[in-house]
Amino acid sequence: MLDRHDPLPGPTSDHRPAPEQAVYGISVAAELAGIGTHSLRLYEQHGLITPARSAGGTRRYSDDDLARLTRIAALADQGINLAAIARILDLEDTNTALRHSNAALTAERDRLRDTS
């Protein structure tokens, strides 16, 4: 028997998908990102977002995709055109990758210093 303070097992528990797990259909993703499905398709056509596809070819979006869509919408609301948004996103992605690489190198350097 469950204690009344224990979380309920199964689908009613507070389990969320991993940020990179594609679970949302196009209409849900558009609603969660606060944009229209037409805009979402346009962003995909311009290479700003690449959703996962189900076995049947249906678009599936993740929480990471939703964050990217929110960023795209914010830039578009500032009047930035889609080509410029693509470049901004590319630079942001490169910057993030470089920060992660730098952190890994710093950690490795520190580890090597500690073992010396």
N, C-alpha and C. Protein backbone atom coordinates (compact mmCIF):
# COMPACT_ATOMS: atom_id res chain seq x y z
N MET A 1 0.84 -1.18 0.00
CA MET A 1 0.00 0.00 0.00
C MET A 1 0.88 1.25 0.00
N LEU A 2 0.47 2.26 -0.78
CA LEU A 2 1.22 3.51 -0.87
C LEU A 2 0.88 4.43 0.29
N ASP A 3 1.89 5.07 0.79
CA ASP A 3 1.69 6.14 1.76
C ASP A 3 1.09 7.31 0.98
N ARG A 4 0.24 8.10 1.57
CA ARG A 4 -0.41 9.18 0.82
C ARG A 4 0.58 10.25 0.36
N HIS A 5 1.81 10.23 0.89
CA HIS A 5 2.82 11.20 0.48
C HIS A 5 3.74 10.66 -0.61
N ASP A 6 3.64 9.36 -0.90
CA ASP A 6 4.46 8.76 -1.94
C ASP A 6 3.93 9.20 -3.31
N PRO A 7 4.86 9.44 -4.27
CA PRO A 7 4.38 9.76 -5.63
C PRO A 7 3.69 8.54 -6.22
N LEU A 8 2.70 8.80 -7.04
CA LEU A 8 1.98 7.71 -7.70
C LEU A 8 2.88 7.08 -8.75
N PRO A 9 2.87 5.78 -8.89
CA PRO A 9 3.69 5.13 -9.91
C PRO A 9 3.09 5.31 -11.29
N GLY A 10 3.89 5.05 -12.30
CA GLY A 10 3.39 5.01 -13.67
C GLY A 10 3.21 6.37 -14.29
N PRO A 11 2.33 6.47 -15.28
CA PRO A 11 2.19 7.67 -16.09
C PRO A 11 1.77 8.91 -15.31
N THR A 12 1.18 8.75 -14.15
CA THR A 12 0.74 9.93 -13.41
C THR A 12 1.85 10.52 -12.55
N SER A 13 3.03 9.87 -12.47
CA SER A 13 4.14 10.42 -11.69
C SER A 13 4.70 11.64 -12.43
N ASP A 14 5.53 12.41 -11.74
CA ASP A 14 6.09 13.64 -12.30
C ASP A 14 7.35 13.34 -13.12
N HIS A 15 7.19 12.55 -14.16
CA HIS A 15 8.31 12.18 -15.02
C HIS A 15 8.22 12.97 -16.32
N ARG A 16 9.31 13.66 -16.62
CA ARG A 16 9.37 14.42 -17.87
C ARG A 16 10.43 13.81 -18.77
N PRO A 17 10.26 13.94 -20.08
CA PRO A 17 11.27 13.40 -20.99
C PRO A 17 12.57 14.20 -20.88
N ALA A 18 13.64 13.59 -21.28
CA ALA A 18 14.93 14.28 -21.32
C ALA A 18 14.80 15.46 -22.29
N PRO A 19 15.58 16.54 -22.07
CA PRO A 19 15.45 17.73 -22.93
C PRO A 19 15.64 17.46 -24.42
N GLU A 20 16.43 16.46 -24.74
CA GLU A 20 16.70 16.16 -26.15
C GLU A 20 15.74 15.12 -26.74
N GLN A 21 14.85 14.57 -25.91
CA GLN A 21 13.92 13.54 -26.39
C GLN A 21 12.76 14.19 -27.14
N ALA A 22 12.59 13.82 -28.40
CA ALA A 22 11.56 14.40 -29.25
C ALA A 22 10.22 13.72 -28.98
N VAL A 23 9.29 14.46 -28.39
CA VAL A 23 8.01 13.87 -28.01
C VAL A 23 6.80 14.69 -28.46
N TYR A 24 6.98 15.96 -28.80
CA TYR A 24 5.86 16.84 -29.10
C TYR A 24 5.57 16.89 -30.60
N GLY A 25 4.31 16.79 -30.95
CA GLY A 25 3.89 16.98 -32.33
C GLY A 25 3.97 18.45 -32.70
N ILE A 26 3.79 18.76 -33.96
CA ILE A 26 3.98 20.12 -34.45
C ILE A 26 3.00 21.11 -33.81
N SER A 27 1.73 20.74 -33.65
CA SER A 27 0.77 21.69 -33.09
C SER A 27 1.06 21.96 -31.61
N VAL A 28 1.46 20.94 -30.88
CA VAL A 28 1.80 21.12 -29.45
C VAL A 28 3.07 21.95 -29.34
N ALA A 29 4.07 21.64 -30.16
CA ALA A 29 5.33 22.40 -30.12
C ALA A 29 5.08 23.88 -30.44
N ALA A 30 4.28 24.13 -31.46
CA ALA A 30 3.98 25.52 -31.83
C ALA A 30 3.29 26.25 -30.69
N GLU A 31 2.33 25.58 -30.06
CA GLU A 31 1.62 26.21 -28.94
C GLU A 31 2.56 26.47 -27.77
N LEU A 32 3.39 25.50 -27.43
CA LEU A 32 4.31 25.66 -26.31
C LEU A 32 5.35 26.75 -26.58
N ALA A 33 5.74 26.90 -27.83
CA ALA A 33 6.73 27.92 -28.20
C ALA A 33 6.09 29.28 -28.45
N GLY A 34 4.76 29.32 -28.52
CA GLY A 34 4.06 30.59 -28.73
C GLY A 34 4.14 31.09 -30.16
N ILE A 35 4.21 30.18 -31.11
CA ILE A 35 4.27 30.55 -32.52
C ILE A 35 3.24 29.73 -33.29
N GLY A 36 3.00 30.09 -34.53
CA GLY A 36 2.07 29.35 -35.36
C GLY A 36 2.76 28.18 -36.05
N THR A 37 1.98 27.19 -36.45
CA THR A 37 2.55 26.04 -37.13
C THR A 37 3.16 26.45 -38.48
N HIS A 38 2.57 27.46 -39.12
CA HIS A 38 3.11 27.94 -40.39
C HIS A 38 4.53 28.49 -40.18
N SER A 39 4.71 29.27 -39.12
CA SER A 39 6.04 29.82 -38.80
C SER A 39 7.02 28.69 -38.50
N LEU A 40 6.56 27.70 -37.76
CA LEU A 40 7.42 26.57 -37.42
C LEU A 40 7.90 25.86 -38.68
N ARG A 41 6.99 25.64 -39.62
CA ARG A 41 7.37 25.00 -40.90
C ARG A 41 8.33 25.89 -41.70
N LEU A 42 8.10 27.18 -41.66
CA LEU A 42 8.98 28.12 -42.35
C LEU A 42 10.39 28.07 -41.76
N TYR A 43 10.49 28.03 -40.45
CA TYR A 43 11.80 27.94 -39.79
C TYR A 43 12.51 26.65 -40.19
N GLU A 44 11.74 25.59 -40.32
CA GLU A 44 12.32 24.31 -40.76
C GLU A 44 12.82 24.42 -42.20
N GLN A 45 12.03 25.04 -43.08
CA GLN A 45 12.42 25.21 -44.48
C GLN A 45 13.72 25.99 -44.60
N HIS A 46 13.94 26.93 -43.70
CA HIS A 46 15.14 27.76 -43.73
C HIS A 46 16.30 27.14 -42.94
N GLY A 47 16.11 25.93 -42.45
CA GLY A 47 17.18 25.22 -41.76
C GLY A 47 17.46 25.71 -40.35
N LEU A 48 16.53 26.47 -39.78
CA LEU A 48 16.74 26.99 -38.42
C LEU A 48 16.46 25.93 -37.36
N ILE A 49 15.65 24.95 -37.70
CA ILE A 49 15.30 23.87 -36.78
C ILE A 49 15.15 22.60 -37.60
N THR A 50 15.58 21.50 -37.04
CA THR A 50 15.44 20.21 -37.71
C THR A 50 14.84 19.22 -36.72
N PRO A 51 13.53 19.05 -36.79
CA PRO A 51 12.89 18.14 -35.84
C PRO A 51 13.20 16.68 -36.15
N ALA A 52 13.09 15.86 -35.13
CA ALA A 52 13.19 14.42 -35.35
C ALA A 52 11.94 13.99 -36.10
N ARG A 53 11.98 12.82 -36.67
CA ARG A 53 10.82 12.28 -37.39
C ARG A 53 10.48 10.91 -36.81
N SER A 54 9.19 10.66 -36.68
CA SER A 54 8.74 9.33 -36.24
C SER A 54 8.93 8.35 -37.40
N ALA A 55 8.70 7.08 -37.14
CA ALA A 55 8.81 6.07 -38.19
C ALA A 55 7.87 6.39 -39.36
N GLY A 56 6.74 7.02 -39.07
CA GLY A 56 5.79 7.39 -40.11
C GLY A 56 6.07 8.74 -40.75
N GLY A 57 7.14 9.43 -40.33
CA GLY A 57 7.52 10.71 -40.92
C GLY A 57 6.95 11.93 -40.22
N THR A 58 6.25 11.74 -39.11
CA THR A 58 5.67 12.86 -38.37
C THR A 58 6.76 13.62 -37.63
N ARG A 59 6.70 14.95 -37.69
CA ARG A 59 7.66 15.78 -36.96
C ARG A 59 7.48 15.57 -35.45
N ARG A 60 8.60 15.49 -34.74
CA ARG A 60 8.59 15.39 -33.28
C ARG A 60 9.62 16.36 -32.73
N TYR A 61 9.20 17.16 -31.76
CA TYR A 61 10.04 18.21 -31.19
C TYR A 61 10.36 17.89 -29.73
N SER A 62 11.54 18.30 -29.31
CA SER A 62 12.00 18.10 -27.93
C SER A 62 11.95 19.42 -27.16
N ASP A 63 12.23 19.37 -25.88
CA ASP A 63 12.32 20.60 -25.09
C ASP A 63 13.48 21.46 -25.59
N ASP A 64 14.57 20.84 -26.03
CA ASP A 64 15.67 21.60 -26.62
C ASP A 64 15.20 22.34 -27.88
N ASP A 65 14.39 21.67 -28.70
CA ASP A 65 13.84 22.31 -29.90
C ASP A 65 12.94 23.49 -29.51
N LEU A 66 12.15 23.30 -28.45
CA LEU A 66 11.26 24.38 -28.00
C LEU A 66 12.07 25.59 -27.56
N ALA A 67 13.18 25.37 -26.87
CA ALA A 67 14.04 26.48 -26.45
C ALA A 67 14.60 27.20 -27.68
N ARG A 68 15.00 26.44 -28.68
CA ARG A 68 15.52 27.04 -29.92
C ARG A 68 14.42 27.82 -30.64
N LEU A 69 13.22 27.27 -30.69
CA LEU A 69 12.10 27.98 -31.32
C LEU A 69 11.79 29.28 -30.60
N THR A 70 11.87 29.26 -29.29
CA THR A 70 11.64 30.48 -28.51
C THR A 70 12.70 31.53 -28.84
N ARG A 71 13.95 31.09 -28.99
CA ARG A 71 15.05 32.01 -29.34
C ARG A 71 14.81 32.57 -30.75
N ILE A 72 14.43 31.72 -31.69
CA ILE A 72 14.15 32.17 -33.06
C ILE A 72 13.04 33.20 -33.06
N ALA A 73 11.96 32.92 -32.34
CA ALA A 73 10.82 33.85 -32.29
C ALA A 73 11.23 35.18 -31.68
N ALA A 74 12.06 35.14 -30.64
CA ALA A 74 12.52 36.39 -30.00
C ALA A 74 13.34 37.22 -30.98
N LEU A 75 14.22 36.57 -31.74
CA LEU A 75 15.03 37.30 -32.73
C LEU A 75 14.14 37.85 -33.85
N ALA A 76 13.19 37.05 -34.31
CA ALA A 76 12.27 37.52 -35.36
C ALA A 76 11.44 38.70 -34.88
N ASP A 77 11.02 38.67 -33.62
CA ASP A 77 10.25 39.78 -33.05
C ASP A 77 11.06 41.08 -33.00
N GLN A 78 12.38 40.96 -33.00
CA GLN A 78 13.26 42.14 -33.02
C GLN A 78 13.47 42.66 -34.44
N GLY A 79 12.84 41.99 -35.41
CA GLY A 79 12.94 42.44 -36.80
C GLY A 79 14.13 41.85 -37.54
N ILE A 80 14.77 40.85 -36.99
CA ILE A 80 15.92 40.23 -37.64
C ILE A 80 15.42 39.23 -38.68
N ASN A 81 15.99 39.29 -39.89
CA ASN A 81 15.53 38.39 -40.95
C ASN A 81 16.06 36.98 -40.72
N LEU A 82 15.46 36.01 -41.44
CA LEU A 82 15.75 34.60 -41.19
C LEU A 82 17.20 34.23 -41.52
N ALA A 83 17.79 34.86 -42.53
CA ALA A 83 19.19 34.58 -42.86
C ALA A 83 20.10 35.02 -41.71
N ALA A 84 19.82 36.18 -41.16
CA ALA A 84 20.62 36.67 -40.03
C ALA A 84 20.39 35.82 -38.79
N ILE A 85 19.15 35.36 -38.57
CA ILE A 85 18.86 34.49 -37.44
C ILE A 85 19.66 33.19 -37.57
N ALA A 86 19.74 32.64 -38.78
CA ALA A 86 20.51 31.42 -39.01
C ALA A 86 21.97 31.64 -38.62
N ARG A 87 22.53 32.77 -38.99
CA ARG A 87 23.93 33.08 -38.66
C ARG A 87 24.11 33.26 -37.16
N ILE A 88 23.20 33.96 -36.53
CA ILE A 88 23.26 34.16 -35.07
C ILE A 88 23.22 32.82 -34.35
N LEU A 89 22.29 31.96 -34.74
CA LEU A 89 22.18 30.64 -34.10
C LEU A 89 23.44 29.82 -34.31
N ASP A 90 24.01 29.89 -35.51
CA ASP A 90 25.24 29.16 -35.80
C ASP A 90 26.37 29.65 -34.90
N LEU A 91 26.49 30.96 -34.75
CA LEU A 91 27.53 31.52 -33.88
C LEU A 91 27.29 31.15 -32.42
N GLU A 92 26.04 31.17 -31.99
CA GLU A 92 25.73 30.78 -30.60
C GLU A 92 26.06 29.30 -30.37
N ASP A 93 25.73 28.45 -31.35
CA ASP A 93 26.03 27.03 -31.22
C ASP A 93 27.55 26.79 -31.16
N THR A 94 28.29 27.49 -32.01
CA THR A 94 29.75 27.37 -32.00
C THR A 94 30.33 27.85 -30.68
N ASN A 95 29.81 28.96 -30.18
CA ASN A 95 30.26 29.51 -28.90
C ASN A 95 30.02 28.51 -27.76
N THR A 96 28.84 27.89 -27.76
CA THR A 96 28.52 26.91 -26.73
C THR A 96 29.47 25.71 -26.81
N ALA A 97 29.73 25.23 -28.01
CA ALA A 97 30.65 24.10 -28.19
C ALA A 97 32.05 24.46 -27.72
N LEU A 98 32.50 25.67 -28.02
CA LEU A 98 33.83 26.11 -27.59
C LEU A 98 33.91 26.23 -26.06
N ARG A 99 32.84 26.73 -25.45
CA ARG A 99 32.82 26.82 -23.98
C ARG A 99 32.91 25.43 -23.34
N HIS A 100 32.18 24.47 -23.89
CA HIS A 100 32.22 23.10 -23.36
C HIS A 100 33.61 22.50 -23.54
N SER A 101 34.20 22.71 -24.72
CA SER A 101 35.54 22.21 -24.99
C SER A 101 36.56 22.84 -24.05
N ASN A 102 36.43 24.13 -23.83
CA ASN A 102 37.34 24.84 -22.93
C ASN A 102 37.21 24.32 -21.50
N ALA A 103 35.98 24.09 -21.06
CA ALA A 103 35.76 23.56 -19.71
C ALA A 103 36.38 22.16 -19.57
N ALA A 104 36.23 21.34 -20.60
CA ALA A 104 36.81 19.99 -20.56
C ALA A 104 38.33 20.05 -20.52
N LEU A 105 38.92 20.95 -21.31
CA LEU A 105 40.37 21.10 -21.31
C LEU A 105 40.88 21.63 -19.97
N THR A 106 40.15 22.56 -19.39
CA THR A 106 40.53 23.10 -18.08
C THR A 106 40.48 22.01 -17.01
N ALA A 107 39.42 21.20 -17.05
CA ALA A 107 39.30 20.10 -16.09
C ALA A 107 40.43 19.10 -16.27
N GLU A 108 40.77 18.79 -17.51
CA GLU A 108 41.87 17.86 -17.78
C GLU A 108 43.20 18.43 -17.30
N ARG A 109 43.43 19.70 -17.55
CA ARG A 109 44.65 20.36 -17.08
C ARG A 109 44.75 20.28 -15.57
N ASP A 110 43.64 20.59 -14.89
CA ASP A 110 43.63 20.55 -13.43
C ASP A 110 43.87 19.14 -12.91
N ARG A 111 43.30 18.17 -13.58
CA ARG A 111 43.51 16.77 -13.19
C ARG A 111 44.97 16.38 -13.33
N LEU A 112 45.58 16.78 -14.43
CA LEU A 112 46.99 16.48 -14.66
C LEU A 112 47.90 17.18 -13.65
N ARG A 113 47.56 18.38 -13.28
CA ARG A 113 48.34 19.11 -12.28
C ARG A 113 48.25 18.43 -10.91
N ASP A 114 47.06 17.93 -10.59
CA ASP A 114 46.85 17.29 -9.31
C ASP A 114 47.59 15.96 -9.20
N THR A 115 47.82 15.30 -10.33
CA THR A 115 48.50 14.00 -10.29
C THR A 115 50.01 14.16 -10.39
N SER A 116 50.49 15.36 -10.64
CA SER A 116 51.94 15.60 -10.78
C SER A 116 52.62 15.69 -9.44
